[in-house]
Amino acid sequence: MLRIVTALAAGLLFGAGLTVSQMVNPAKVIGFLDIGGNWDPSLAFVLAGAVGTVALGFLVVRRRLAAPLFAAAFDPPSARGIDRNHVFGAVLFGIGWGLVGLCPGPALAALAIAPAKVALFVGAMLVGMAGFAVFQSLAARRKQAR
């Protein structure tokens, strides 16, 4: 139960941070991404805070000797290089973010503020995620068949 409450608290804190920073406002995000036009640099502070927080988190994980509070062991990312899937995913993410001004976390948080405006994006995002899962499954089957 404590694990669920902690996850809920972390999610609420994350959503509140996205809302306070205006990451749930597509116009604000597009203004930040429009470096050649009417650029709004204010979200750079959000980005710097996020990078700093993650860096601090990884530092704590590396130095901590015991297991995490709610798991048997730490499970850091295993990927060490950049491959075609990383590049394709980053490009696709960037195109979607630049066109709509939302990415998955802020879109889910924005559902609480303006569900009618965000529902189509979230639906398309879920369809895309399901499509990717099907594609990965088919690719794995083809690889096993060889």
N, C-alpha and C. Protein backbone atom coordinates (compact mmCIF):
# COMPACT_ATOMS: atom_id res chain seq x y z
N MET A 1 0.82 -1.20 0.00
CA MET A 1 0.00 0.00 0.00
C MET A 1 0.86 1.26 0.00
N LEU A 2 1.97 1.23 0.76
CA LEU A 2 2.86 2.38 0.81
C LEU A 2 3.46 2.66 -0.56
N ARG A 3 3.73 1.60 -1.31
CA ARG A 3 4.27 1.76 -2.67
C ARG A 3 3.28 2.50 -3.56
N ILE A 4 2.00 2.17 -3.47
CA ILE A 4 0.97 2.82 -4.29
C ILE A 4 0.80 4.27 -3.88
N VAL A 5 0.78 4.53 -2.59
CA VAL A 5 0.64 5.90 -2.09
C VAL A 5 1.84 6.75 -2.52
N THR A 6 3.03 6.18 -2.45
CA THR A 6 4.23 6.91 -2.87
C THR A 6 4.19 7.21 -4.36
N ALA A 7 3.77 6.23 -5.16
CA ALA A 7 3.66 6.44 -6.61
C ALA A 7 2.62 7.51 -6.91
N LEU A 8 1.51 7.48 -6.21
CA LEU A 8 0.47 8.50 -6.39
C LEU A 8 1.00 9.88 -6.03
N ALA A 9 1.70 9.98 -4.91
CA ALA A 9 2.26 11.27 -4.49
C ALA A 9 3.27 11.78 -5.51
N ALA A 10 4.12 10.89 -6.02
CA ALA A 10 5.11 11.30 -7.02
C ALA A 10 4.40 11.77 -8.30
N GLY A 11 3.37 11.06 -8.72
CA GLY A 11 2.63 11.45 -9.91
C GLY A 11 1.92 12.78 -9.74
N LEU A 12 1.33 12.99 -8.57
CA LEU A 12 0.67 14.28 -8.31
C LEU A 12 1.68 15.42 -8.27
N LEU A 13 2.84 15.19 -7.67
CA LEU A 13 3.89 16.21 -7.64
C LEU A 13 4.38 16.52 -9.05
N PHE A 14 4.56 15.49 -9.86
CA PHE A 14 5.00 15.67 -11.24
C PHE A 14 3.95 16.46 -12.03
N GLY A 15 2.68 16.08 -11.90
CA GLY A 15 1.61 16.79 -12.59
C GLY A 15 1.50 18.23 -12.15
N ALA A 16 1.66 18.48 -10.85
CA ALA A 16 1.62 19.85 -10.35
C ALA A 16 2.79 20.66 -10.90
N GLY A 17 3.95 20.05 -10.97
CA GLY A 17 5.11 20.73 -11.54
C GLY A 17 4.92 21.07 -13.01
N LEU A 18 4.33 20.14 -13.76
CA LEU A 18 4.05 20.41 -15.17
C LEU A 18 3.05 21.54 -15.33
N THR A 19 2.07 21.58 -14.45
CA THR A 19 1.04 22.61 -14.52
C THR A 19 1.61 23.97 -14.13
N VAL A 20 2.34 24.04 -13.03
CA VAL A 20 2.92 25.31 -12.57
C VAL A 20 3.90 25.86 -13.60
N SER A 21 4.67 24.98 -14.23
CA SER A 21 5.67 25.42 -15.21
C SER A 21 5.08 25.73 -16.58
N GLN A 22 3.79 25.48 -16.73
CA GLN A 22 3.06 25.71 -17.99
C GLN A 22 3.44 24.73 -19.10
N MET A 23 4.03 23.58 -18.74
CA MET A 23 4.33 22.55 -19.74
C MET A 23 3.05 21.94 -20.29
N VAL A 24 1.93 22.15 -19.65
CA VAL A 24 0.64 21.64 -20.13
C VAL A 24 -0.03 22.63 -21.09
N ASN A 25 0.61 23.76 -21.33
CA ASN A 25 0.07 24.79 -22.22
C ASN A 25 0.79 24.69 -23.56
N PRO A 26 0.14 24.12 -24.59
CA PRO A 26 0.80 23.94 -25.88
C PRO A 26 1.36 25.25 -26.47
N ALA A 27 0.66 26.36 -26.29
CA ALA A 27 1.15 27.64 -26.83
C ALA A 27 2.48 28.03 -26.18
N LYS A 28 2.62 27.78 -24.89
CA LYS A 28 3.86 28.09 -24.17
C LYS A 28 5.00 27.22 -24.69
N VAL A 29 4.72 25.93 -24.89
CA VAL A 29 5.74 24.99 -25.36
C VAL A 29 6.16 25.34 -26.78
N ILE A 30 5.21 25.61 -27.65
CA ILE A 30 5.54 25.97 -29.03
C ILE A 30 6.33 27.28 -29.05
N GLY A 31 5.99 28.21 -28.18
CA GLY A 31 6.78 29.44 -28.07
C GLY A 31 8.22 29.17 -27.67
N PHE A 32 8.43 28.19 -26.82
CA PHE A 32 9.78 27.81 -26.43
C PHE A 32 10.53 27.15 -27.58
N LEU A 33 9.83 26.34 -28.36
CA LEU A 33 10.47 25.63 -29.47
C LEU A 33 10.70 26.53 -30.69
N ASP A 34 10.06 27.67 -30.75
CA ASP A 34 10.15 28.58 -31.89
C ASP A 34 11.36 29.50 -31.74
N ILE A 35 12.56 28.94 -31.86
CA ILE A 35 13.77 29.73 -31.62
C ILE A 35 14.05 30.72 -32.75
N GLY A 36 13.44 30.52 -33.90
CA GLY A 36 13.64 31.43 -35.02
C GLY A 36 12.62 32.54 -35.07
N GLY A 37 11.60 32.48 -34.25
CA GLY A 37 10.52 33.47 -34.29
C GLY A 37 10.40 34.19 -32.96
N ASN A 38 9.21 34.14 -32.39
CA ASN A 38 8.92 34.81 -31.13
C ASN A 38 9.25 33.85 -29.98
N TRP A 39 10.55 33.68 -29.72
CA TRP A 39 11.01 32.67 -28.77
C TRP A 39 10.72 33.07 -27.33
N ASP A 40 10.21 32.09 -26.57
CA ASP A 40 9.94 32.28 -25.14
C ASP A 40 10.90 31.36 -24.37
N PRO A 41 12.00 31.90 -23.83
CA PRO A 41 13.02 31.06 -23.19
C PRO A 41 12.67 30.57 -21.78
N SER A 42 11.50 30.90 -21.27
CA SER A 42 11.20 30.60 -19.87
C SER A 42 11.22 29.11 -19.54
N LEU A 43 10.88 28.26 -20.51
CA LEU A 43 10.89 26.82 -20.22
C LEU A 43 12.30 26.24 -20.14
N ALA A 44 13.30 27.03 -20.50
CA ALA A 44 14.68 26.58 -20.34
C ALA A 44 14.99 26.33 -18.86
N PHE A 45 14.37 27.11 -17.98
CA PHE A 45 14.55 26.90 -16.55
C PHE A 45 13.94 25.57 -16.10
N VAL A 46 12.81 25.22 -16.69
CA VAL A 46 12.18 23.93 -16.41
C VAL A 46 13.10 22.81 -16.87
N LEU A 47 13.64 22.95 -18.07
CA LEU A 47 14.55 21.96 -18.62
C LEU A 47 15.79 21.82 -17.74
N ALA A 48 16.37 22.93 -17.33
CA ALA A 48 17.55 22.88 -16.46
C ALA A 48 17.23 22.22 -15.12
N GLY A 49 16.07 22.52 -14.57
CA GLY A 49 15.66 21.89 -13.32
C GLY A 49 15.47 20.39 -13.47
N ALA A 50 14.90 19.98 -14.59
CA ALA A 50 14.68 18.55 -14.83
C ALA A 50 16.00 17.82 -15.01
N VAL A 51 16.90 18.39 -15.78
CA VAL A 51 18.21 17.75 -16.00
C VAL A 51 18.98 17.67 -14.68
N GLY A 52 18.93 18.73 -13.90
CA GLY A 52 19.60 18.72 -12.60
C GLY A 52 19.03 17.68 -11.66
N THR A 53 17.72 17.57 -11.65
CA THR A 53 17.06 16.58 -10.78
C THR A 53 17.43 15.16 -11.18
N VAL A 54 17.42 14.88 -12.48
CA VAL A 54 17.77 13.54 -12.95
C VAL A 54 19.24 13.23 -12.66
N ALA A 55 20.11 14.21 -12.88
CA ALA A 55 21.54 14.01 -12.59
C ALA A 55 21.74 13.70 -11.12
N LEU A 56 21.06 14.43 -10.26
CA LEU A 56 21.16 14.18 -8.82
C LEU A 56 20.61 12.79 -8.48
N GLY A 57 19.51 12.43 -9.10
CA GLY A 57 18.93 11.10 -8.87
C GLY A 57 19.88 9.97 -9.26
N PHE A 58 20.51 10.09 -10.43
CA PHE A 58 21.47 9.06 -10.86
C PHE A 58 22.67 9.01 -9.92
N LEU A 59 23.10 10.16 -9.44
CA LEU A 59 24.22 10.20 -8.50
C LEU A 59 23.86 9.47 -7.21
N VAL A 60 22.67 9.69 -6.70
CA VAL A 60 22.21 9.01 -5.48
C VAL A 60 22.13 7.51 -5.71
N VAL A 61 21.60 7.10 -6.86
CA VAL A 61 21.47 5.68 -7.16
C VAL A 61 22.84 5.01 -7.23
N ARG A 62 23.80 5.68 -7.85
CA ARG A 62 25.14 5.09 -7.97
C ARG A 62 25.83 4.93 -6.62
N ARG A 63 25.59 5.86 -5.71
CA ARG A 63 26.28 5.85 -4.41
C ARG A 63 25.56 5.06 -3.34
N ARG A 64 24.29 4.76 -3.57
CA ARG A 64 23.51 4.06 -2.56
C ARG A 64 23.90 2.58 -2.55
N LEU A 65 24.21 2.06 -1.40
CA LEU A 65 24.65 0.67 -1.30
C LEU A 65 23.47 -0.28 -1.15
N ALA A 66 22.45 0.14 -0.46
CA ALA A 66 21.30 -0.72 -0.22
C ALA A 66 20.35 -0.69 -1.42
N ALA A 67 19.37 -1.53 -1.38
CA ALA A 67 18.36 -1.59 -2.43
C ALA A 67 17.43 -0.38 -2.32
N PRO A 68 16.71 -0.08 -3.39
CA PRO A 68 15.73 1.00 -3.31
C PRO A 68 14.62 0.65 -2.32
N LEU A 69 13.82 1.64 -1.98
CA LEU A 69 12.78 1.43 -0.97
C LEU A 69 11.70 0.44 -1.42
N PHE A 70 11.34 0.44 -2.70
CA PHE A 70 10.19 -0.36 -3.14
C PHE A 70 10.54 -1.38 -4.21
N ALA A 71 11.77 -1.83 -4.28
CA ALA A 71 12.18 -2.86 -5.24
C ALA A 71 13.35 -3.63 -4.67
N ALA A 72 13.62 -4.79 -5.26
CA ALA A 72 14.72 -5.62 -4.78
C ALA A 72 16.08 -5.03 -5.15
N ALA A 73 16.15 -4.37 -6.30
CA ALA A 73 17.41 -3.80 -6.76
C ALA A 73 17.13 -2.62 -7.69
N PHE A 74 18.14 -1.78 -7.89
CA PHE A 74 18.01 -0.70 -8.84
C PHE A 74 18.01 -1.29 -10.25
N ASP A 75 17.32 -0.65 -11.16
CA ASP A 75 17.23 -1.12 -12.54
C ASP A 75 17.53 0.04 -13.48
N PRO A 76 18.81 0.44 -13.56
CA PRO A 76 19.15 1.57 -14.43
C PRO A 76 19.03 1.17 -15.90
N PRO A 77 18.92 2.14 -16.79
CA PRO A 77 18.84 1.83 -18.22
C PRO A 77 20.07 1.04 -18.66
N SER A 78 19.86 0.05 -19.52
CA SER A 78 20.98 -0.77 -19.97
C SER A 78 21.56 -0.30 -21.29
N ALA A 79 20.82 0.47 -22.06
CA ALA A 79 21.30 0.94 -23.36
C ALA A 79 22.47 1.89 -23.16
N ARG A 80 23.52 1.68 -23.90
CA ARG A 80 24.72 2.52 -23.77
C ARG A 80 25.02 3.27 -25.07
N GLY A 81 24.41 2.89 -26.16
CA GLY A 81 24.71 3.53 -27.43
C GLY A 81 23.45 4.09 -28.07
N ILE A 82 23.66 4.75 -29.19
CA ILE A 82 22.55 5.30 -29.95
C ILE A 82 22.36 4.43 -31.19
N ASP A 83 21.15 3.93 -31.38
CA ASP A 83 20.88 3.11 -32.55
C ASP A 83 19.75 3.74 -33.37
N ARG A 84 19.37 3.08 -34.43
CA ARG A 84 18.33 3.57 -35.34
C ARG A 84 17.01 3.81 -34.62
N ASN A 85 16.64 2.93 -33.72
CA ASN A 85 15.38 3.10 -32.99
C ASN A 85 15.39 4.34 -32.10
N HIS A 86 16.53 4.62 -31.45
CA HIS A 86 16.63 5.83 -30.63
C HIS A 86 16.46 7.09 -31.49
N VAL A 87 17.15 7.10 -32.63
CA VAL A 87 17.09 8.27 -33.50
C VAL A 87 15.68 8.44 -34.05
N PHE A 88 15.08 7.36 -34.54
CA PHE A 88 13.73 7.43 -35.09
C PHE A 88 12.73 7.88 -34.01
N GLY A 89 12.84 7.32 -32.82
CA GLY A 89 11.95 7.70 -31.74
C GLY A 89 12.10 9.16 -31.35
N ALA A 90 13.34 9.64 -31.28
CA ALA A 90 13.58 11.04 -30.93
C ALA A 90 13.03 11.98 -31.99
N VAL A 91 13.22 11.62 -33.26
CA VAL A 91 12.70 12.46 -34.35
C VAL A 91 11.18 12.48 -34.31
N LEU A 92 10.57 11.33 -34.15
CA LEU A 92 9.11 11.25 -34.10
C LEU A 92 8.56 12.03 -32.90
N PHE A 93 9.19 11.88 -31.75
CA PHE A 93 8.79 12.62 -30.56
C PHE A 93 8.91 14.12 -30.81
N GLY A 94 10.03 14.56 -31.36
CA GLY A 94 10.25 15.98 -31.62
C GLY A 94 9.25 16.56 -32.61
N ILE A 95 8.92 15.81 -33.64
CA ILE A 95 7.93 16.28 -34.61
C ILE A 95 6.58 16.45 -33.93
N GLY A 96 6.17 15.46 -33.17
CA GLY A 96 4.88 15.54 -32.47
C GLY A 96 4.86 16.67 -31.46
N TRP A 97 5.93 16.83 -30.73
CA TRP A 97 6.01 17.88 -29.71
C TRP A 97 5.96 19.26 -30.36
N GLY A 98 6.69 19.41 -31.48
CA GLY A 98 6.72 20.68 -32.17
C GLY A 98 5.40 21.03 -32.85
N LEU A 99 4.70 20.02 -33.37
CA LEU A 99 3.42 20.28 -34.05
C LEU A 99 2.29 20.59 -33.07
N VAL A 100 2.25 19.87 -31.97
CA VAL A 100 1.12 19.95 -31.05
C VAL A 100 1.44 20.73 -29.79
N GLY A 101 2.70 20.72 -29.37
CA GLY A 101 3.08 21.42 -28.15
C GLY A 101 2.84 20.60 -26.90
N LEU A 102 2.63 19.30 -27.07
CA LEU A 102 2.43 18.40 -25.93
C LEU A 102 3.30 17.17 -26.09
N CYS A 103 3.73 16.62 -24.99
CA CYS A 103 4.36 15.31 -24.97
C CYS A 103 3.59 14.47 -23.94
N PRO A 104 3.86 13.17 -23.82
CA PRO A 104 2.98 12.31 -23.03
C PRO A 104 2.69 12.75 -21.60
N GLY A 105 3.69 13.11 -20.81
CA GLY A 105 3.44 13.50 -19.42
C GLY A 105 2.55 14.72 -19.31
N PRO A 106 2.93 15.82 -19.94
CA PRO A 106 2.07 17.00 -19.90
C PRO A 106 0.68 16.78 -20.50
N ALA A 107 0.58 15.93 -21.50
CA ALA A 107 -0.73 15.66 -22.10
C ALA A 107 -1.65 15.00 -21.08
N LEU A 108 -1.13 14.05 -20.33
CA LEU A 108 -1.96 13.39 -19.31
C LEU A 108 -2.33 14.37 -18.21
N ALA A 109 -1.39 15.23 -17.82
CA ALA A 109 -1.71 16.24 -16.80
C ALA A 109 -2.73 17.23 -17.34
N ALA A 110 -2.63 17.58 -18.62
CA ALA A 110 -3.56 18.54 -19.22
C ALA A 110 -4.97 17.98 -19.34
N LEU A 111 -5.11 16.67 -19.30
CA LEU A 111 -6.46 16.08 -19.33
C LEU A 111 -7.31 16.57 -18.16
N ALA A 112 -6.66 16.86 -17.04
CA ALA A 112 -7.39 17.35 -15.87
C ALA A 112 -7.83 18.80 -16.03
N ILE A 113 -7.13 19.55 -16.88
CA ILE A 113 -7.42 20.97 -17.05
C ILE A 113 -8.35 21.22 -18.23
N ALA A 114 -8.04 20.61 -19.37
CA ALA A 114 -8.82 20.86 -20.60
C ALA A 114 -9.01 19.55 -21.35
N PRO A 115 -9.84 18.65 -20.82
CA PRO A 115 -9.97 17.33 -21.44
C PRO A 115 -10.44 17.37 -22.90
N ALA A 116 -11.31 18.28 -23.25
CA ALA A 116 -11.82 18.32 -24.62
C ALA A 116 -10.73 18.68 -25.61
N LYS A 117 -9.80 19.53 -25.21
CA LYS A 117 -8.73 19.96 -26.11
C LYS A 117 -7.62 18.92 -26.24
N VAL A 118 -7.45 18.09 -25.25
CA VAL A 118 -6.31 17.19 -25.19
C VAL A 118 -6.68 15.74 -25.52
N ALA A 119 -7.94 15.39 -25.44
CA ALA A 119 -8.37 14.00 -25.60
C ALA A 119 -7.95 13.40 -26.93
N LEU A 120 -8.05 14.16 -28.02
CA LEU A 120 -7.67 13.64 -29.34
C LEU A 120 -6.18 13.29 -29.37
N PHE A 121 -5.36 14.18 -28.81
CA PHE A 121 -3.92 13.90 -28.77
C PHE A 121 -3.63 12.65 -27.95
N VAL A 122 -4.24 12.54 -26.77
CA VAL A 122 -3.99 11.38 -25.91
C VAL A 122 -4.47 10.10 -26.59
N GLY A 123 -5.62 10.16 -27.24
CA GLY A 123 -6.10 8.99 -27.99
C GLY A 123 -5.14 8.58 -29.08
N ALA A 124 -4.66 9.56 -29.86
CA ALA A 124 -3.70 9.26 -30.92
C ALA A 124 -2.40 8.71 -30.34
N MET A 125 -1.99 9.25 -29.20
CA MET A 125 -0.79 8.77 -28.53
C MET A 125 -0.95 7.30 -28.12
N LEU A 126 -2.10 6.96 -27.56
CA LEU A 126 -2.35 5.57 -27.14
C LEU A 126 -2.40 4.63 -28.33
N VAL A 127 -3.00 5.08 -29.43
CA VAL A 127 -3.03 4.26 -30.65
C VAL A 127 -1.60 4.05 -31.16
N GLY A 128 -0.80 5.10 -31.14
CA GLY A 128 0.59 4.98 -31.56
C GLY A 128 1.39 4.03 -30.68
N MET A 129 1.15 4.09 -29.37
CA MET A 129 1.85 3.18 -28.46
C MET A 129 1.44 1.73 -28.71
N ALA A 130 0.16 1.51 -28.94
CA ALA A 130 -0.33 0.15 -29.24
C ALA A 130 0.25 -0.33 -30.57
N GLY A 131 0.29 0.56 -31.56
CA GLY A 131 0.87 0.21 -32.85
C GLY A 131 2.33 -0.17 -32.73
N PHE A 132 3.06 0.56 -31.92
CA PHE A 132 4.47 0.25 -31.71
C PHE A 132 4.63 -1.12 -31.05
N ALA A 133 3.77 -1.41 -30.06
CA ALA A 133 3.84 -2.72 -29.39
C ALA A 133 3.57 -3.85 -30.39
N VAL A 134 2.59 -3.66 -31.26
CA VAL A 134 2.29 -4.68 -32.29
C VAL A 134 3.48 -4.82 -33.23
N PHE A 135 4.04 -3.71 -33.67
CA PHE A 135 5.20 -3.74 -34.57
C PHE A 135 6.37 -4.46 -33.92
N GLN A 136 6.65 -4.17 -32.67
CA GLN A 136 7.76 -4.83 -31.96
C GLN A 136 7.51 -6.34 -31.85
N SER A 137 6.26 -6.71 -31.56
CA SER A 137 5.92 -8.12 -31.44
C SER A 137 6.12 -8.85 -32.77
N LEU A 138 5.66 -8.23 -33.85
CA LEU A 138 5.83 -8.83 -35.18
C LEU A 138 7.30 -8.93 -35.55
N ALA A 139 8.08 -7.91 -35.25
CA ALA A 139 9.50 -7.93 -35.55
C ALA A 139 10.21 -9.03 -34.77
N ALA A 140 9.83 -9.22 -33.51
CA ALA A 140 10.44 -10.28 -32.69
C ALA A 140 10.09 -11.65 -33.24
N ARG A 141 8.85 -11.83 -33.70
CA ARG A 141 8.45 -13.11 -34.28
C ARG A 141 9.22 -13.40 -35.56
N ARG A 142 9.38 -12.38 -36.41
CA ARG A 142 10.15 -12.57 -37.65
C ARG A 142 11.59 -12.92 -37.34
N LYS A 143 12.14 -12.31 -36.32
CA LYS A 143 13.53 -12.57 -35.95
C LYS A 143 13.69 -14.01 -35.44
N GLN A 144 12.70 -14.50 -34.67
CA GLN A 144 12.75 -15.87 -34.17
C GLN A 144 12.56 -16.88 -35.28
N ALA A 145 11.80 -16.53 -36.31
CA ALA A 145 11.52 -17.45 -37.41
C ALA A 145 12.75 -17.67 -38.29
N ARG A 146 13.70 -16.77 -38.24
CA ARG A 146 14.90 -16.90 -39.09
C ARG A 146 15.84 -17.91 -38.59
